[in-house]
Protein backbone atom coordinates (compact mmCIF):
# COMPACT_ATOMS: atom_id res chain seq x y z
CA MET A 1 23.38 -125.15 190.62
CA LYS A 2 25.94 -124.22 188.00
CA THR A 3 25.69 -120.65 186.81
CA HIS A 4 27.55 -118.91 184.04
CA LEU A 5 27.99 -115.62 182.33
CA SER A 6 28.35 -115.65 178.58
CA LEU A 7 31.85 -115.91 177.18
CA SER A 8 31.00 -113.11 174.77
CA SER A 9 30.34 -110.90 177.80
CA MET A 10 33.78 -111.81 179.16
CA GLU A 11 35.35 -110.84 175.83
CA HIS A 12 33.39 -107.59 175.82
CA LEU A 13 34.60 -106.72 179.34
CA LEU A 14 38.22 -107.46 178.48
CA LYS A 15 38.13 -105.54 175.20
CA ASN A 16 36.47 -102.56 176.89
CA SER A 17 39.40 -102.63 179.32
CA GLY A 18 41.84 -102.34 176.43
CA ALA A 19 42.58 -105.89 175.29
CA LYS A 20 43.17 -106.20 171.53
CA ARG A 21 42.57 -109.95 171.40
CA VAL A 22 41.17 -112.41 173.96
CA SER A 23 41.78 -116.17 174.05
CA GLU A 24 39.07 -118.69 174.90
CA ASP A 25 41.08 -119.69 177.99
CA ALA A 26 41.12 -116.08 179.20
CA LYS A 27 37.36 -115.74 178.75
CA THR A 28 36.73 -119.01 180.57
CA GLU A 29 39.06 -118.12 183.46
CA LEU A 30 37.53 -114.66 183.91
CA ASN A 31 34.08 -116.25 183.86
CA LYS A 32 35.10 -118.70 186.61
CA ILE A 33 36.63 -115.97 188.77
CA LEU A 34 33.63 -113.66 188.42
CA ILE A 35 31.12 -116.43 189.18
CA ASP A 36 33.09 -117.35 192.31
CA ARG A 37 33.22 -113.71 193.44
CA ILE A 38 29.54 -113.09 192.66
CA THR A 39 28.56 -116.23 194.58
CA GLU A 40 30.64 -115.11 197.57
CA LEU A 41 29.09 -111.63 197.54
CA SER A 42 25.60 -113.07 197.15
CA GLN A 43 26.06 -115.36 200.15
CA LYS A 44 27.25 -112.42 202.26
CA ALA A 45 24.28 -110.30 201.13
CA ILE A 46 21.88 -113.12 202.00
CA LYS A 47 23.36 -113.35 205.51
CA LEU A 48 23.06 -109.58 205.93
CA SER A 49 19.40 -109.51 204.88
CA SER A 50 18.65 -112.51 207.09
CA HIS A 51 20.32 -110.80 210.04
CA ALA A 52 18.03 -107.81 209.42
CA ASN A 53 15.03 -110.20 209.44
CA ARG A 54 14.35 -109.65 205.75
CA LYS A 55 13.84 -112.15 202.93
CA THR A 56 14.49 -109.51 200.28
CA ILE A 57 18.07 -108.69 199.30
CA LYS A 58 18.44 -104.92 199.07
CA LYS A 59 21.08 -102.69 197.52
CA GLN A 60 22.47 -101.92 200.96
CA ASP A 61 23.09 -105.66 201.52
CA ILE A 62 25.13 -105.83 198.31
CA ASP A 63 26.98 -102.62 199.22
CA LEU A 64 27.88 -103.98 202.66
CA ALA A 65 28.86 -107.38 201.26
CA ILE A 66 31.43 -105.71 199.00
CA ILE A 67 33.18 -104.01 201.91
């Protein structure tokens, strides 16, 4: 399953961080990096909830996955 965040959201994040202008390549690369990181965190959170015998991902699973 291929997931994506909107490129306009990537531009918004970069501009809110102080960028004056943002290239399409920069938006695409940030999107790729964030999707990879989100997928990694999600997989860790799923393992944590499964280990706790739960099907529901909770905030604490996400918090622990970030550590």
